[in-house]
Amino acid sequence: MTTAIMQLLQQLPEPSRLADWPNYSTLGIEPAQIAALIEIATNPAGSAALQSAAVHARRALGQLGAASAVGNLLNLFHHMETDTWVVEELPRVLALLGRAAVPAITAYAGNASHPVFARGGAVLSLELMGAQHRAACVHSLLGLLANYAHYPPTLNGIIIVALANLKAAEALALIEEAFEADAVDDLTTGDLDEIVAAIRS
């Protein structure tokens, strides 16, 4: 099955030539193929054709809402950190996986063994998912920020920006506390007044 899907994905235009993502379901890609898509999506690309197929596979997993792929996809943040497609698109892919993926994404963001930029990518995934599942994502982001004393200031800043973009007024007290503790990189957030204004706007 993997070979057949690989052939299909390699026949598609390179992602850079497309204005938007194809509707993969119209191409015959369905939930029964999720395991094969995960294999293609997470294997390091040895050629431009394989890289193109991997990008399409990740997009397809997102469109399928394949929450079972969340662990494999999250690992790409630190295993393929130099892949521009991973950096730019993986948060969007993860955001499509739905509420079932929130615990795994939150756990990844809170895991100090991962690089800060990778954890920040997970936070961005929660922010993007918040458009459809705001309550669950804001709850998770608040839980992360509650640990601000143990997180790098840059990561705290990324979390705060995500909460501000979700207009999370319920986070204001905790955000102010983090700023007062000098635990926030204001190069990431701007000053506290800017964050408060963004939330209240």
Protein backbone atom coordinates (compact mmCIF):
# COMPACT_ATOMS: atom_id res chain seq x y z
CA MET A 1 0.00 0.00 0.00
CA THR A 2 2.84 2.40 0.84
CA THR A 3 4.24 2.00 -2.67
CA ALA A 4 0.90 2.79 -4.30
CA ILE A 5 0.36 5.92 -2.20
CA MET A 6 3.95 7.00 -2.76
CA GLN A 7 3.42 6.78 -6.50
CA LEU A 8 0.23 8.82 -6.21
CA LEU A 9 1.87 11.51 -4.10
CA GLN A 10 4.89 11.74 -6.39
CA GLN A 11 2.59 12.37 -9.33
CA LEU A 12 1.23 15.51 -7.68
CA PRO A 13 2.78 18.92 -8.42
CA GLU A 14 5.58 20.00 -6.13
CA PRO A 15 4.09 21.84 -3.14
CA SER A 16 5.97 25.03 -4.04
CA ARG A 17 4.02 25.18 -7.32
CA LEU A 18 0.62 25.05 -5.61
CA ALA A 19 -1.24 28.09 -4.32
CA ASP A 20 -2.98 25.99 -1.68
CA TRP A 21 -3.23 22.42 -0.47
CA PRO A 22 -5.07 19.93 -2.67
CA ASN A 23 -8.18 18.22 -1.35
CA TYR A 24 -6.56 14.84 -0.83
CA SER A 25 -9.82 12.97 -0.28
CA THR A 26 -10.79 13.70 -3.88
CA LEU A 27 -7.61 11.92 -4.94
CA GLY A 28 -8.71 8.72 -3.23
CA ILE A 29 -6.68 9.16 -0.03
CA GLU A 30 -8.67 7.85 2.94
CA PRO A 31 -8.30 6.93 6.63
CA ALA A 32 -7.38 3.33 5.82
CA GLN A 33 -4.11 4.70 4.41
CA ILE A 34 -3.04 6.64 7.50
CA ALA A 35 -0.28 4.18 8.47
CA ALA A 36 1.26 4.41 5.00
CA LEU A 37 0.99 8.21 5.04
CA ILE A 38 2.78 8.35 8.41
CA GLU A 39 5.63 6.28 7.02
CA ILE A 40 6.03 8.58 4.03
CA ALA A 41 5.55 11.76 6.06
CA THR A 42 8.21 10.97 8.64
CA ASN A 43 11.00 9.43 6.58
CA PRO A 44 13.93 11.77 5.83
CA ALA A 45 13.75 12.79 2.19
CA GLY A 46 16.66 11.62 0.05
CA SER A 47 15.50 13.44 -3.08
CA ALA A 48 13.27 16.30 -4.16
CA ALA A 49 10.60 13.78 -5.21
CA LEU A 50 10.61 12.12 -1.79
CA GLN A 51 10.49 15.48 -0.04
CA SER A 52 7.50 16.51 -2.14
CA ALA A 53 5.74 13.25 -1.30
CA ALA A 54 6.45 13.74 2.41
CA VAL A 55 4.95 17.25 2.35
CA HIS A 56 1.82 15.96 0.62
CA ALA A 57 1.58 13.06 3.09
CA ARG A 58 1.74 15.42 6.08
CA ARG A 59 -0.91 17.65 4.57
CA ALA A 60 -3.11 14.64 3.87
CA LEU A 61 -2.77 13.46 7.47
CA GLY A 62 -3.92 16.87 8.62
CA GLN A 63 -6.91 16.90 6.32
CA LEU A 64 -7.84 13.42 7.50
CA GLY A 65 -7.72 14.60 11.12
CA ALA A 66 -5.38 11.69 11.81
CA ALA A 67 -4.87 12.19 15.56
CA SER A 68 -3.11 8.82 15.72
CA ALA A 69 -0.24 10.43 13.79
CA VAL A 70 0.37 13.18 16.34
CA GLY A 71 3.37 11.56 18.08
CA ASN A 72 5.15 10.78 14.81
CA LEU A 73 4.51 14.25 13.48
CA LEU A 74 5.62 16.04 16.66
CA ASN A 75 8.96 14.27 16.51
CA LEU A 76 9.64 16.00 13.21
CA PHE A 77 10.06 19.29 15.05
CA HIS A 78 13.38 18.09 16.43
CA HIS A 79 14.34 15.33 13.97
CA MET A 80 13.90 17.46 10.86
CA GLU A 81 14.47 20.93 12.28
CA THR A 82 16.33 22.10 9.16
CA ASP A 83 13.50 21.14 6.80
CA THR A 84 11.78 24.38 5.80
CA TRP A 85 8.54 22.59 4.98
CA VAL A 86 8.43 21.07 8.47
CA VAL A 87 9.12 24.39 10.17
CA GLU A 88 6.55 26.32 8.14
CA GLU A 89 3.74 23.78 7.76
CA LEU A 90 3.84 21.35 10.65
CA PRO A 91 1.95 23.62 13.09
CA ARG A 92 -0.86 23.92 10.54
CA VAL A 93 -0.91 20.16 10.00
CA LEU A 94 -1.05 19.48 13.74
CA ALA A 95 -3.78 22.07 14.22
CA LEU A 96 -5.99 20.07 11.87
CA LEU A 97 -5.76 16.92 13.97
CA GLY A 98 -8.44 18.11 16.37
CA ARG A 99 -8.98 18.04 20.13
CA ALA A 100 -7.81 14.45 20.49
CA ALA A 101 -4.30 15.65 19.66
CA VAL A 102 -4.23 18.45 22.26
CA PRO A 103 -2.78 16.40 25.18
CA ALA A 104 0.16 15.11 23.11
CA ILE A 105 0.91 18.55 21.66
CA THR A 106 0.75 20.12 25.11
CA ALA A 107 3.03 17.47 26.59
CA TYR A 108 5.57 18.04 23.82
CA ALA A 109 5.52 21.81 24.40
CA GLY A 110 6.15 21.25 28.09
CA ASN A 111 8.99 18.75 27.64
CA ALA A 112 12.29 20.39 28.52
CA SER A 113 14.26 17.74 26.62
CA HIS A 114 13.13 19.28 23.32
CA PRO A 115 14.70 22.42 21.83
CA VAL A 116 12.93 25.69 22.55
CA PHE A 117 12.11 26.33 18.88
CA ALA A 118 10.54 22.86 18.61
CA ARG A 119 8.44 23.46 21.72
CA GLY A 120 7.46 26.82 20.27
CA GLY A 121 6.22 25.06 17.15
CA ALA A 122 3.95 22.93 19.31
CA VAL A 123 2.63 26.06 21.02
CA LEU A 124 1.87 27.58 17.62
CA SER A 125 -0.05 24.41 16.76
CA LEU A 126 -2.27 24.97 19.80
CA GLU A 127 -2.77 28.59 18.85
CA LEU A 128 -3.85 27.65 15.33
CA MET A 129 -6.10 24.86 16.61
CA GLY A 130 -7.69 27.41 18.91
CA ALA A 131 -9.65 28.79 15.98
CA GLN A 132 -11.81 25.65 16.16
CA HIS A 133 -11.20 24.42 19.72
CA ARG A 134 -10.55 27.58 21.69
CA ALA A 135 -11.50 26.37 25.18
CA ALA A 136 -9.31 23.27 25.05
CA CYS A 137 -6.33 25.12 23.57
CA VAL A 138 -6.51 28.10 25.92
CA HIS A 139 -6.75 25.68 28.85
CA SER A 140 -3.60 23.90 27.67
CA LEU A 141 -1.72 27.13 27.06
CA LEU A 142 -2.64 28.37 30.53
CA GLY A 143 -1.38 25.12 31.99
CA LEU A 144 1.91 25.58 30.18
CA LEU A 145 2.32 29.20 31.24
CA ALA A 146 1.67 28.23 34.86
CA ASN A 147 5.14 26.65 34.72
CA TYR A 148 6.78 29.89 33.57
CA ALA A 149 9.38 29.74 36.35
CA HIS A 150 10.75 26.53 34.85
CA TYR A 151 10.60 27.53 31.17
CA PRO A 152 12.98 29.65 29.09
CA PRO A 153 11.76 33.25 28.75
CA THR A 154 11.56 32.85 24.97
CA LEU A 155 9.14 29.95 25.31
CA ASN A 156 7.07 31.88 27.84
CA GLY A 157 6.91 34.70 25.33
CA ILE A 158 5.68 32.38 22.59
CA ILE A 159 2.97 31.04 24.90
CA ILE A 160 1.89 34.54 25.84
CA VAL A 161 1.69 35.64 22.22
CA ALA A 162 -0.48 32.60 21.48
CA LEU A 163 -2.82 33.51 24.34
CA ALA A 164 -2.95 37.12 23.18
CA ASN A 165 -3.83 36.06 19.64
CA LEU A 166 -6.64 33.94 21.07
CA LYS A 167 -7.88 36.97 23.05
CA ALA A 168 -7.59 34.97 26.27
CA ALA A 169 -8.60 37.58 28.84
CA GLU A 170 -8.66 34.80 31.43
CA ALA A 171 -4.87 34.63 31.09
CA LEU A 172 -4.17 38.25 32.01
CA ALA A 173 -3.41 37.71 35.69
CA LEU A 174 -0.96 34.90 34.95
CA ILE A 175 0.65 36.84 32.13
CA GLU A 176 1.19 39.83 34.42
CA GLU A 177 2.67 37.51 37.04
CA ALA A 178 5.15 36.10 34.51
CA PHE A 179 6.19 39.59 33.40
CA GLU A 180 6.63 40.73 37.01
CA ALA A 181 8.85 37.70 37.64
CA ASP A 182 11.02 38.78 34.70
CA ALA A 183 10.34 35.40 33.11
CA VAL A 184 9.33 36.70 29.67
CA ASP A 185 11.44 37.61 26.66
CA ASP A 186 9.87 40.92 25.68
CA LEU A 187 11.64 40.79 22.33
CA THR A 188 9.17 38.01 21.57
CA THR A 189 6.08 39.62 23.09
CA GLY A 190 6.55 43.35 23.19
CA ASP A 191 5.88 44.94 26.56
CA LEU A 192 3.07 44.00 28.92
CA ASP A 193 0.91 46.95 27.87
CA GLU A 194 1.02 45.74 24.26
CA ILE A 195 -0.08 42.25 25.28
CA VAL A 196 -2.93 43.59 27.40
CA ALA A 197 -4.05 45.82 24.55
CA ALA A 198 -3.93 42.92 22.10
CA ILE A 199 -6.07 40.75 24.35
CA ARG A 200 -8.62 43.48 24.98
CA SER A 201 -8.84 44.69 21.41
